[in-house]
Amino acid sequence: MPLELKLLARILLKPELAGTIPEDALKGSGSEAETLRTVVGYLRENPSTLGQASAYFAGSGHEAVIEEALAEPLLNQGEESEFNLEPEVEGIVEKLRADQQARRGAELMRLMVAGNATPAEKAEYAELHAQLASSKTGNPTVETRSKH
């Protein structure tokens, strides 16, 4: 199951988590990512229950994706209150971010190898490369440290 669907299901089960999802985790492509962005936006603007959100999206182009997300077998094994979804959501967000960084890094590398990278793209590649290196060593870059 795509990460976007896993995240979507958890947000629908615990809608208050929509406000914790950073924008950069919502930059994926495809119908799952589009539905995730739409549902997160809706829940941020309209705090709702699962039933209210499902009713809002009934008949929309997002309904099938929402139904697919909520059909995840692990989520249907127990009562909602038995799950602590926050750590799962954080883990999925981190995986989405890592996947997006890897895709962007590969795209930038192709541009650099082809000799078509702009100075801004070269700088972005250097920043992504530094972030990757710091994540492997566990030491944040200077820029990352200054943001916290």
Protein backbone atom coordinates (compact mmCIF):
# COMPACT_ATOMS: atom_id res chain seq x y z
CA MET A 1 0.00 0.00 0.00
CA PRO A 2 1.45 3.41 -0.96
CA LEU A 3 2.61 5.59 1.92
CA GLU A 4 0.09 8.28 0.97
CA LEU A 5 -2.76 5.80 1.48
CA LYS A 6 -1.38 4.69 4.84
CA LEU A 7 -1.09 8.30 5.97
CA LEU A 8 -4.55 9.14 4.63
CA ALA A 9 -6.14 6.28 6.57
CA ARG A 10 -4.52 7.32 9.82
CA ILE A 11 -5.49 10.96 9.37
CA LEU A 12 -9.08 9.98 8.66
CA LEU A 13 -9.18 7.80 11.77
CA LYS A 14 -7.70 10.61 13.86
CA PRO A 15 -8.52 13.84 11.97
CA GLU A 16 -6.82 16.12 14.49
CA LEU A 17 -3.49 14.78 13.18
CA ALA A 18 -4.07 16.63 9.88
CA GLY A 19 -2.63 19.76 11.45
CA THR A 20 0.64 17.98 12.23
CA ILE A 21 1.42 17.05 8.63
CA PRO A 22 4.11 19.33 7.18
CA GLU A 23 3.54 20.74 3.70
CA ASP A 24 6.66 19.10 2.29
CA ALA A 25 5.16 15.67 3.06
CA LEU A 26 2.24 16.50 0.77
CA LYS A 27 4.22 17.11 -2.41
CA GLY A 28 3.82 13.66 -3.96
CA SER A 29 2.21 12.94 -7.29
CA GLY A 30 -0.58 10.62 -8.29
CA SER A 31 -4.18 10.21 -7.19
CA GLU A 32 -3.26 9.04 -3.68
CA ALA A 33 -1.11 12.12 -3.06
CA GLU A 34 -3.75 14.42 -4.53
CA THR A 35 -6.44 12.95 -2.27
CA LEU A 36 -4.11 13.16 0.74
CA ARG A 37 -3.48 16.88 0.06
CA THR A 38 -7.19 17.54 -0.41
CA VAL A 39 -8.28 15.67 2.73
CA VAL A 40 -5.55 17.25 4.88
CA GLY A 41 -6.57 20.69 3.61
CA TYR A 42 -10.24 19.99 4.29
CA LEU A 43 -9.57 18.69 7.82
CA ARG A 44 -7.36 21.67 8.66
CA GLU A 45 -10.12 24.05 7.64
CA ASN A 46 -13.05 21.94 8.88
CA PRO A 47 -12.24 19.84 11.94
CA SER A 48 -14.40 16.78 11.39
CA THR A 49 -14.99 13.20 12.38
CA LEU A 50 -14.32 10.29 10.04
CA GLY A 51 -18.05 10.10 9.26
CA GLN A 52 -18.30 13.81 8.45
CA ALA A 53 -15.20 13.72 6.23
CA SER A 54 -16.41 10.57 4.45
CA ALA A 55 -19.81 12.19 3.84
CA TYR A 56 -18.14 15.36 2.52
CA PHE A 57 -16.09 13.41 -0.02
CA ALA A 58 -18.88 10.97 -0.98
CA GLY A 59 -19.45 11.11 -4.71
CA SER A 60 -16.23 13.03 -5.34
CA GLY A 61 -13.23 11.88 -7.29
CA HIS A 62 -11.53 11.21 -3.96
CA GLU A 63 -14.10 8.75 -2.63
CA ALA A 64 -12.53 5.60 -4.13
CA VAL A 65 -9.07 6.51 -2.82
CA ILE A 66 -10.48 7.19 0.66
CA GLU A 67 -12.30 3.84 0.64
CA GLU A 68 -9.11 2.06 -0.45
CA ALA A 69 -7.13 3.73 2.34
CA LEU A 70 -9.69 2.81 4.98
CA ALA A 71 -9.75 -0.82 3.80
CA GLU A 72 -6.26 -1.43 5.22
CA PRO A 73 -6.65 -4.71 7.17
CA LEU A 74 -4.43 -3.69 10.10
CA LEU A 75 -6.64 -0.70 10.84
CA ASN A 76 -9.76 -2.85 11.04
CA GLN A 77 -8.46 -5.31 13.63
CA GLY A 78 -9.40 -3.33 16.71
CA GLU A 79 -11.11 -0.30 18.05
CA GLU A 80 -9.75 3.12 17.06
CA SER A 81 -8.95 3.94 20.68
CA GLU A 82 -6.53 1.00 20.86
CA PHE A 83 -4.18 2.60 18.33
CA ASN A 84 -1.62 5.27 19.08
CA LEU A 85 -1.49 6.68 15.57
CA GLU A 86 0.83 9.63 16.21
CA PRO A 87 4.11 7.65 16.04
CA GLU A 88 2.88 5.88 12.92
CA VAL A 89 1.99 9.17 11.27
CA GLU A 90 5.40 10.63 12.16
CA GLY A 91 7.14 7.59 10.69
CA ILE A 92 5.13 7.71 7.47
CA VAL A 93 5.79 11.45 7.11
CA GLU A 94 9.54 10.85 7.48
CA LYS A 95 9.43 8.10 4.84
CA LEU A 96 7.48 10.35 2.46
CA ARG A 97 10.01 13.14 2.95
CA ALA A 98 12.93 10.76 2.35
CA ASP A 99 11.30 9.36 -0.80
CA GLN A 100 10.63 12.86 -2.13
CA GLN A 101 14.20 13.96 -1.39
CA ALA A 102 15.58 10.88 -3.13
CA ARG A 103 13.42 11.53 -6.22
CA ARG A 104 14.41 15.18 -6.34
CA GLY A 105 18.08 14.32 -5.80
CA ALA A 106 17.98 11.84 -8.69
CA GLU A 107 16.28 14.43 -10.89
CA LEU A 108 18.91 17.05 -10.02
CA MET A 109 21.72 14.54 -10.58
CA ARG A 110 20.39 13.80 -14.09
CA LEU A 111 20.38 17.53 -14.85
CA MET A 112 23.93 17.93 -13.54
CA VAL A 113 25.28 14.93 -15.48
CA ALA A 114 23.62 16.24 -18.64
CA GLY A 115 25.14 19.67 -17.99
CA ASN A 116 21.70 21.30 -17.91
CA ALA A 117 21.51 22.25 -14.21
CA THR A 118 21.01 25.90 -13.40
CA PRO A 119 23.01 27.50 -10.57
CA ALA A 120 19.89 27.27 -8.36
CA GLU A 121 19.53 23.55 -9.14
CA LYS A 122 23.22 22.98 -8.39
CA ALA A 123 22.79 24.73 -5.04
CA GLU A 124 19.66 22.68 -4.30
CA TYR A 125 21.56 19.49 -5.12
CA ALA A 126 24.41 20.50 -2.81
CA GLU A 127 21.91 21.20 -0.01
CA LEU A 128 20.14 17.85 -0.52
CA HIS A 129 23.49 16.07 -0.58
CA ALA A 130 24.52 17.78 2.68
CA GLN A 131 21.20 16.82 4.29
CA LEU A 132 21.67 13.22 3.21
CA ALA A 133 25.21 13.16 4.57
CA SER A 134 24.12 14.63 7.91
CA SER A 135 21.24 12.17 8.22
CA LYS A 136 23.68 9.29 7.80
CA THR A 137 26.03 10.65 10.48
CA GLY A 138 23.28 11.94 12.74
CA ASN A 139 24.80 15.43 12.82
CA PRO A 140 22.47 18.17 11.57
CA THR A 141 23.79 20.66 9.05
CA VAL A 142 24.35 24.23 10.21
CA GLU A 143 21.17 25.33 8.40
CA THR A 144 19.10 22.57 10.03
CA ARG A 145 20.44 23.40 13.48
CA SER A 146 19.62 27.09 13.04
CA LYS A 147 15.98 26.30 12.17
CA HIS A 148 15.29 24.67 15.54
